[in-house]
Protein backbone atom coordinates (compact mmCIF):
# COMPACT_ATOMS: atom_id res chain seq x y z
CA MET A 1 -6.08 40.60 -0.26
CA LYS A 2 -6.26 42.88 3.17
CA ASN A 3 -9.06 45.09 1.76
CA PHE A 4 -10.95 41.90 0.67
CA VAL A 5 -10.66 40.60 4.22
CA SER A 6 -11.57 43.71 5.89
CA GLU A 7 -14.63 44.13 3.59
CA GLU A 8 -15.78 40.41 4.54
CA VAL A 9 -15.10 41.36 8.13
CA LYS A 10 -17.37 44.54 7.92
CA ILE A 11 -20.21 42.82 6.06
CA PHE A 12 -20.14 39.97 8.70
CA ARG A 13 -20.21 42.45 11.54
CA ARG A 14 -23.08 44.56 10.01
CA ALA A 15 -25.23 41.44 9.03
CA THR A 16 -24.81 40.12 12.61
CA PHE A 17 -25.66 43.93 14.26
CA ALA A 18 -28.51 43.75 12.09
CA LEU A 19 -29.52 39.98 13.43
CA ILE A 20 -29.44 40.68 16.88
CA ILE A 21 -31.53 44.08 15.96
CA SER A 22 -34.09 41.92 14.05
CA SER A 23 -34.82 39.63 17.13
CA THR A 24 -34.43 42.17 20.20
CA TYR A 25 -36.50 44.98 19.03
CA PRO A 26 -39.81 42.85 18.50
CA MET A 27 -39.18 41.04 21.64
CA ILE A 28 -39.02 44.36 23.51
CA ILE A 29 -42.67 44.92 22.33
CA VAL A 30 -43.55 41.34 23.38
CA GLY A 31 -41.93 41.25 26.69
CA CYS A 32 -43.40 44.75 27.61
CA TYR A 33 -46.80 43.44 26.27
CA PHE A 34 -46.86 40.38 28.08
CA GLY A 35 -45.47 42.05 31.22
CA VAL A 36 -48.60 44.03 31.44
CA THR A 37 -50.98 41.12 30.64
CA PRO A 38 -52.87 41.28 34.17
CA TRP A 39 -53.70 45.19 33.47
CA THR A 40 -54.90 43.86 29.97
CA LEU A 41 -57.07 40.97 31.37
CA ASN A 42 -58.66 43.38 33.75
CA ARG A 43 -59.50 46.10 31.41
CA LEU A 44 -61.38 43.76 29.27
CA SER A 45 -62.57 41.35 31.88
CA MET A 46 -60.95 38.70 30.13
CA ASP A 47 -60.15 34.90 31.78
CA GLU A 48 -57.32 32.54 30.91
CA SER A 49 -59.26 30.94 28.24
CA ASP A 50 -60.16 34.11 26.40
CA PHE A 51 -56.60 35.04 26.31
CA SER A 52 -55.48 31.49 25.12
CA PHE A 53 -57.88 31.93 22.15
CA ALA A 54 -56.04 35.00 21.29
CA ILE A 55 -52.89 33.34 21.10
CA LEU A 56 -54.48 30.22 19.12
CA LEU A 57 -55.31 32.92 16.68
CA PHE A 58 -52.08 34.39 16.48
CA GLY A 59 -50.46 30.80 16.09
CA VAL A 60 -52.75 29.92 13.09
CA PHE A 61 -51.72 33.11 10.91
CA PHE A 62 -48.12 32.85 12.07
CA ILE A 63 -48.05 29.33 10.48
CA ILE A 64 -49.76 30.50 7.36
CA SER A 65 -47.59 33.66 6.97
CA ASN A 66 -44.51 31.71 8.03
CA GLN A 67 -45.03 28.92 4.96
CA ILE A 68 -45.79 31.76 2.35
CA ALA A 69 -42.89 33.94 3.64
CA GLY A 70 -40.40 30.99 3.48
CA ARG A 71 -41.38 29.03 0.20
CA ILE A 72 -42.70 32.04 -1.89
CA LEU A 73 -41.31 35.33 -0.63
CA VAL A 74 -37.93 34.95 0.57
CA PRO A 75 -36.82 33.10 -2.56
CA LYS A 76 -38.04 35.89 -4.55
CA TYR A 77 -37.21 39.09 -2.52
CA GLY A 78 -34.69 37.67 -0.06
CA THR A 79 -34.70 37.42 3.58
CA LYS A 80 -33.88 40.98 4.81
CA LEU A 81 -36.44 42.56 2.82
CA ILE A 82 -39.26 40.43 4.33
CA MET A 83 -37.96 40.84 7.64
CA SER A 84 -37.75 44.49 7.46
CA LEU A 85 -41.60 45.01 6.12
CA ALA A 86 -42.77 42.64 8.88
CA PHE A 87 -41.40 44.74 11.82
CA PRO A 88 -44.06 47.59 11.84
CA LEU A 89 -46.86 44.83 11.25
CA VAL A 90 -45.83 43.20 14.44
CA THR A 91 -45.40 46.65 16.62
CA PHE A 92 -48.74 48.50 15.41
CA SER A 93 -50.65 45.42 15.98
CA THR A 94 -49.45 45.02 19.38
CA PHE A 95 -50.09 48.90 19.73
CA LEU A 96 -54.01 48.23 18.38
CA ALA A 97 -54.00 45.39 20.88
CA ILE A 98 -53.16 47.65 23.56
CA ILE A 99 -55.97 50.42 22.73
CA SER A 100 -58.74 47.94 21.82
CA SER A 101 -62.00 49.01 23.41
CA SER A 102 -63.50 45.44 23.27
CA TYR A 103 -62.53 41.62 23.41
CA PHE A 104 -63.51 41.44 19.77
CA TYR A 105 -61.26 44.08 18.31
CA PHE A 106 -58.49 42.85 20.81
CA LEU A 107 -58.87 39.37 19.08
CA LEU A 108 -58.58 40.83 15.60
CA THR A 109 -55.33 42.31 16.22
CA PHE A 110 -53.65 38.98 16.85
CA ILE A 111 -54.27 38.32 13.01
CA PRO A 112 -51.75 40.80 11.56
CA ALA A 113 -49.61 39.99 14.79
CA GLY A 114 -49.29 36.72 13.62
CA ILE A 115 -48.64 37.53 10.08
CA GLY A 116 -45.87 39.72 11.02
CA TRP A 117 -44.27 37.37 13.22
CA GLY A 118 -44.42 34.65 10.75
CA ALA A 119 -42.48 36.74 8.09
CA SER A 120 -40.00 37.99 10.60
CA GLY A 121 -38.99 35.50 13.56
CA PRO A 122 -38.35 32.26 11.59
CA ILE A 123 -37.09 34.34 8.52
CA GLY A 124 -34.30 35.89 10.69
CA GLY A 125 -33.46 32.09 11.44
CA ILE A 126 -32.90 31.82 7.91
CA HIS A 127 -30.98 35.11 7.78
CA SER A 128 -28.69 33.55 10.64
CA GLN A 129 -28.08 30.26 8.87
CA LEU A 130 -27.06 32.17 5.59
CA ILE A 131 -24.38 34.03 7.80
CA GLU A 132 -22.96 31.04 9.17
CA LYS A 133 -22.89 29.52 5.67
CA HIS A 134 -21.25 32.25 3.81
CA PHE A 135 -18.76 33.21 6.84
CA LYS A 136 -18.16 29.74 8.69
CA LYS A 137 -18.99 31.31 12.19
CA ILE A 138 -21.40 30.32 14.57
CA VAL A 139 -24.11 33.26 14.88
CA ALA A 140 -27.39 31.62 15.70
CA PRO A 141 -26.92 31.98 19.41
CA TYR A 142 -26.53 35.77 18.93
CA TYR A 143 -29.77 35.83 17.35
CA ALA A 144 -31.60 33.83 20.27
CA MET A 145 -29.72 36.38 22.46
CA GLY A 146 -31.47 39.29 21.02
CA PHE A 147 -34.92 37.40 21.53
CA ASN A 148 -34.11 37.21 25.53
CA LEU A 149 -32.36 40.87 25.68
CA GLY A 150 -35.84 42.00 24.07
CA ILE A 151 -37.77 40.04 26.87
CA LEU A 152 -35.34 41.47 29.48
CA VAL A 153 -35.69 44.96 28.10
CA GLY A 154 -39.55 44.90 27.43
CA GLY A 155 -40.03 43.24 31.00
CA ILE A 156 -38.30 45.96 32.85
CA LEU A 157 -40.17 48.38 30.93
CA ALA A 158 -43.71 46.72 31.79
CA GLY A 159 -42.34 46.80 35.37
CA ILE A 160 -41.82 50.62 35.23
CA ILE A 161 -45.38 51.13 33.59
CA MET A 162 -47.18 48.95 36.31
CA ARG A 163 -45.28 50.47 39.18
CA ASN A 164 -45.81 53.99 38.06
CA SER A 165 -49.27 53.55 36.69
CA TYR A 166 -48.18 54.90 33.41
CA GLU A 167 -50.61 54.79 30.33
CA PRO A 168 -49.42 51.64 28.56
CA TYR A 169 -50.70 53.11 25.13
CA LEU A 170 -48.11 55.80 25.25
CA PHE A 171 -45.18 53.48 25.22
CA PHE A 172 -46.59 51.06 22.81
CA GLY A 173 -47.47 54.04 20.32
CA ALA A 174 -43.82 55.30 20.63
CA LEU A 175 -42.25 51.89 20.06
CA SER A 176 -44.48 51.30 17.01
CA PHE A 177 -43.25 54.51 15.36
CA LEU A 178 -39.85 53.73 16.13
CA SER A 179 -39.93 50.33 14.45
CA VAL A 180 -40.17 52.15 11.18
CA PHE A 181 -36.92 53.33 11.68
CA VAL A 182 -35.49 49.78 13.13
CA SER A 183 -36.86 48.42 9.66
CA PHE A 184 -34.61 50.59 7.62
CA VAL A 185 -31.51 49.68 9.57
CA VAL A 186 -31.96 46.12 9.43
CA TYR A 187 -32.47 46.71 5.63
CA LEU A 188 -29.30 48.49 5.20
CA PHE A 189 -27.22 46.40 7.54
CA GLY A 190 -28.40 43.01 6.66
CA LEU A 191 -26.55 40.65 4.03
CA PRO A 192 -26.13 42.21 0.83
CA GLY A 193 -28.38 40.72 -2.05
CA LYS A 194 -25.50 38.63 -3.57
CA LEU A 195 -25.29 36.69 -0.35
CA ASP A 196 -28.99 36.87 0.60
CA PHE A 197 -30.98 33.70 -0.39
CA LYS A 198 -32.53 33.76 -3.89
CA GLY A 199 -33.90 30.91 -5.85
CA GLU A 200 -37.10 29.14 -7.11
CA GLY A 201 -40.14 28.90 -4.80
CA GLU A 202 -40.74 25.51 -3.12
CA LYS A 203 -43.66 23.53 -3.24
CA PHE A 204 -45.14 22.33 0.10
CA LYS A 205 -44.12 18.60 0.64
CA ILE A 206 -43.63 16.30 3.97
CA PRO A 207 -40.33 17.17 5.70
CA GLU A 208 -37.51 14.57 5.77
CA ASN A 209 -37.76 12.24 8.84
CA ASN A 210 -34.81 13.80 10.75
CA VAL A 211 -36.30 17.41 10.08
CA LEU A 212 -39.68 15.89 11.25
CA LEU A 213 -38.31 14.62 14.52
CA PHE A 214 -36.40 17.76 15.16
CA GLY A 215 -39.59 20.00 14.49
CA ILE A 216 -41.48 17.85 16.94
CA LEU A 217 -38.78 18.37 19.60
CA LEU A 218 -39.26 22.10 18.67
CA PHE A 219 -42.70 21.87 19.28
CA PHE A 220 -42.35 20.92 22.96
CA VAL A 221 -39.48 23.58 23.30
CA PHE A 222 -41.34 26.46 21.69
CA GLY A 223 -44.61 25.39 23.88
CA SER A 224 -42.87 25.21 27.15
CA ASN A 225 -40.92 28.50 26.39
CA GLY A 226 -44.66 30.06 25.83
CA ILE A 227 -45.69 29.13 29.36
CA ILE A 228 -42.43 31.45 30.26
CA VAL A 229 -43.16 34.27 28.21
CA ASP A 230 -47.01 34.48 27.64
CA TRP A 231 -47.90 33.26 31.25
CA SER A 232 -44.92 33.67 33.87
CA THR A 233 -46.35 37.37 34.73
CA LEU A 234 -49.89 36.30 35.25
CA TRP A 235 -48.66 33.20 37.22
CA LEU A 236 -46.54 35.05 39.63
CA SER A 237 -49.09 37.67 40.63
CA LYS A 238 -51.97 34.97 40.60
CA ASP A 239 -50.68 32.12 42.30
CA LEU A 240 -47.62 33.27 44.00
CA ASN A 241 -49.59 36.65 45.10
CA ALA A 242 -46.50 38.96 43.72
CA PRO A 243 -47.49 42.79 43.19
CA PHE A 244 -48.16 43.66 39.55
CA HIS A 245 -45.12 45.71 39.14
CA LEU A 246 -42.92 42.60 40.52
CA ALA A 247 -44.67 39.99 38.55
CA SER A 248 -42.77 40.85 35.42
CA MET A 249 -39.50 39.87 37.31
CA GLY A 250 -40.16 36.73 36.00
CA LEU A 251 -39.39 37.49 32.36
CA ILE A 252 -36.60 39.69 33.59
CA SER A 253 -34.69 36.78 35.63
CA PHE A 254 -35.25 34.31 32.91
CA SER A 255 -34.02 36.61 29.97
CA ILE A 256 -30.93 37.56 32.36
CA GLY A 257 -29.64 34.19 32.53
CA ALA A 258 -30.27 33.15 28.73
CA ILE A 259 -28.45 36.41 27.43
CA PHE A 260 -25.35 35.29 29.27
CA ALA A 261 -25.78 31.82 27.84
CA ASN A 262 -26.09 33.30 24.38
CA LEU A 263 -23.57 35.39 24.65
CA PHE A 264 -20.93 33.08 25.76
CA SER A 265 -22.45 30.27 23.84
CA ASN A 266 -19.11 29.62 21.67
CA SER A 267 -17.20 29.43 24.85
CA LEU A 268 -19.42 27.14 26.38
CA ILE A 269 -19.73 24.76 23.25
CA ASN A 270 -15.87 24.86 23.41
CA LEU A 271 -15.47 24.05 27.19
CA PHE A 272 -18.43 21.56 27.43
CA THR A 273 -19.23 20.54 23.64
CA GLU A 274 -22.34 21.55 21.77
CA LYS A 275 -23.96 18.15 22.66
CA PHE A 276 -23.39 18.80 26.60
CA VAL A 277 -24.85 22.27 26.26
CA GLY A 278 -27.60 21.28 24.16
CA CYS A 279 -28.73 18.34 26.02
CA HIS A 280 -27.32 18.04 29.63
CA PHE A 281 -27.59 21.81 30.31
CA VAL A 282 -31.26 21.50 29.59
CA MET A 283 -31.93 18.54 31.76
CA ILE A 284 -30.12 19.82 34.65
CA GLY A 285 -31.66 23.15 34.25
CA ALA A 286 -35.18 21.66 34.08
CA SER A 287 -34.49 19.48 37.54
CA ILE A 288 -33.59 22.39 39.42
CA MET A 289 -36.49 24.40 38.27
CA PHE A 290 -38.80 21.45 39.28
CA LEU A 291 -37.35 21.59 42.61
CA SER A 292 -37.65 25.43 42.90
CA LEU A 293 -41.39 25.05 42.55
CA LEU A 294 -41.72 22.66 45.29
CA THR A 295 -40.47 25.48 47.62
CA ASP A 296 -43.55 27.93 46.35
CA ASN A 297 -41.19 30.68 47.29
CA PHE A 298 -41.48 33.80 45.17
CA TYR A 299 -37.64 34.75 45.57
CA ILE A 300 -36.33 31.44 45.16
CA ILE A 301 -38.31 30.66 42.09
CA LEU A 302 -37.08 34.33 40.60
CA ALA A 303 -33.43 33.16 41.24
CA VAL A 304 -33.80 29.88 39.74
CA LEU A 305 -35.66 31.35 36.72
CA SER A 306 -32.26 32.78 35.96
CA ILE A 307 -30.43 29.57 35.99
CA TYR A 308 -33.11 27.82 34.05
CA GLY A 309 -32.85 30.53 31.36
CA PHE A 310 -28.96 30.03 31.23
CA ALA A 311 -29.50 26.10 30.99
CA VAL A 312 -31.87 26.13 28.08
CA ALA A 313 -31.18 29.17 26.10
CA ASN A 314 -29.13 27.54 23.54
CA LEU A 315 -30.95 24.55 22.84
CA ILE A 316 -33.18 26.11 20.11
CA PRO A 317 -30.45 27.40 17.92
CA ILE A 318 -28.32 24.18 18.32
CA VAL A 319 -31.50 22.10 17.65
CA ILE A 320 -31.87 23.83 14.15
CA ARG A 321 -28.11 23.85 13.48
CA GLN A 322 -28.35 19.97 13.89
CA ALA A 323 -31.51 19.90 11.41
CA VAL A 324 -29.67 22.06 8.72
CA LYS A 325 -26.60 19.84 8.92
CA GLN A 326 -28.89 16.46 8.63
CA SER A 327 -31.26 17.97 5.89
CA ASN A 328 -30.82 17.45 2.32
CA ASP A 329 -33.44 20.56 1.55
CA SER A 330 -32.49 24.09 1.22
CA ILE A 331 -31.81 26.31 4.23
CA PRO A 332 -35.23 28.36 3.78
CA MET A 333 -37.19 25.17 3.53
CA THR A 334 -35.47 23.46 6.23
CA VAL A 335 -36.07 26.32 8.63
CA THR A 336 -39.34 26.90 7.35
CA ASN A 337 -40.37 23.45 8.24
CA LEU A 338 -38.90 23.64 11.64
CA THR A 339 -40.42 26.67 12.88
CA THR A 340 -43.88 25.58 11.15
CA ILE A 341 -43.87 22.43 13.44
CA GLY A 342 -42.60 23.95 16.34
CA LEU A 343 -44.82 27.20 16.31
CA SER A 344 -47.75 24.80 15.66
CA SER A 345 -47.75 24.54 19.60
CA THR A 346 -49.31 27.71 19.85
CA MET A 347 -52.48 26.36 18.20
CA ILE A 348 -52.57 23.45 20.84
CA MET A 349 -50.63 24.57 24.05
CA PRO A 350 -52.87 27.69 24.69
CA ALA A 351 -56.17 26.05 25.17
CA ALA A 352 -54.33 23.31 27.22
CA ILE A 353 -52.74 25.78 29.51
CA GLY A 354 -55.92 27.87 29.67
CA PHE A 355 -57.89 24.60 30.52
CA LEU A 356 -55.44 23.53 33.29
CA ALA A 357 -54.97 27.21 34.58
CA GLU A 358 -58.77 27.54 35.12
CA THR A 359 -59.50 24.03 36.43
CA PHE A 360 -56.35 23.81 38.56
CA SER A 361 -53.78 26.48 38.51
CA LEU A 362 -50.88 27.94 36.35
CA THR A 363 -48.41 26.21 38.79
CA LEU A 364 -49.54 22.90 37.54
CA ASN A 365 -48.56 24.53 33.97
CA MET A 366 -44.99 25.04 35.28
CA TYR A 367 -44.53 21.55 36.89
CA LEU A 368 -45.68 20.43 33.40
CA LEU A 369 -42.86 22.40 31.60
CA CYS A 370 -39.98 21.21 33.91
CA ILE A 371 -41.03 17.62 32.63
CA ILE A 372 -41.54 18.37 29.14
CA VAL A 373 -38.04 20.46 29.01
CA PHE A 374 -36.03 17.70 30.41
CA THR A 375 -37.59 14.93 28.19
CA SER A 376 -37.01 16.96 25.39
CA GLY A 377 -33.24 17.30 26.22
CA ALA A 378 -33.11 13.62 26.88
CA ILE A 379 -34.53 13.00 23.22
CA PHE A 380 -32.07 15.36 21.94
CA LEU A 381 -29.11 13.68 23.56
CA ILE A 382 -30.31 10.31 21.60
CA LYS A 383 -30.62 12.05 18.34
CA TYR A 384 -27.53 14.19 18.31
CA LYS A 385 -24.87 13.53 15.53
């Protein structure tokens, strides 16, 4: 009996480690990439609309890939194999974006990037739900923590690159080749085949009303998070006149707060209840962020971004957990539908953000972010069960 328990604990720890790695490593690439966004825009003479179209292209192929992976590939091959194969696709396509010689080739790299992310990010969410199902322990916040940890490391790396005028392609090239090793680690440490998901492929159907509502909620949450991750570096450098090497501090500050919130998520939930953390924290954080924007002060906003990151970090895993609880569909189908609806914001938000940024300013988008996130927290408060 003792050996059985110790073996179960070992599987749980290994799977949780693989889960965190599966979200951390790709986000190091993304955090670093968006940290050098001003350099990329200057190199290829792009404006906000050009960059928005690239993100739109990414979103289209993300959704296609997510649907195919969640409905066909995962039931047939399991989650960890699909995730492991997708990582190099994400990293090498980002490397190609960095070395692209023209805007056309730059756009093309967002196609494999979208395919890779569609077959890794949401599939990792399925893997986390399977771990929770088998071991009756909450791990989804740790998966979310990996994303924020990756943004932190990537943002720091971007700051080093920009401050010292290093060639970005050297770093991205090294990270791309290292991703092959990371893929092997995730595959070896992930859930064993007997605990991974296997079943019949599922046809497309309209999600249940509850899942549809939670998906729409995630649409606004993912869209608002995209404003921080994709645009904060450009916003701080352009609207607040921060030096390029300090502009990535926005990502770093946001991710530090989010990491602590995810790391202590279970304690926060036990202390305040899941409903309070998923709803009231979010509304408070959005309100404080809104007030900080009124100061137009780089350092105040930088500090508040950490508070905001702490307040909203657990919203996505709590929303997904609520949807899985209230859904009658399988975990892969539920999570796939949620992420498809949620990430479809990448097909709409970039164009809107680019238009507002060129017509008015990126700061206006930040004000809208606060309003959207506050409203999302209020809606979730009503629908929470």
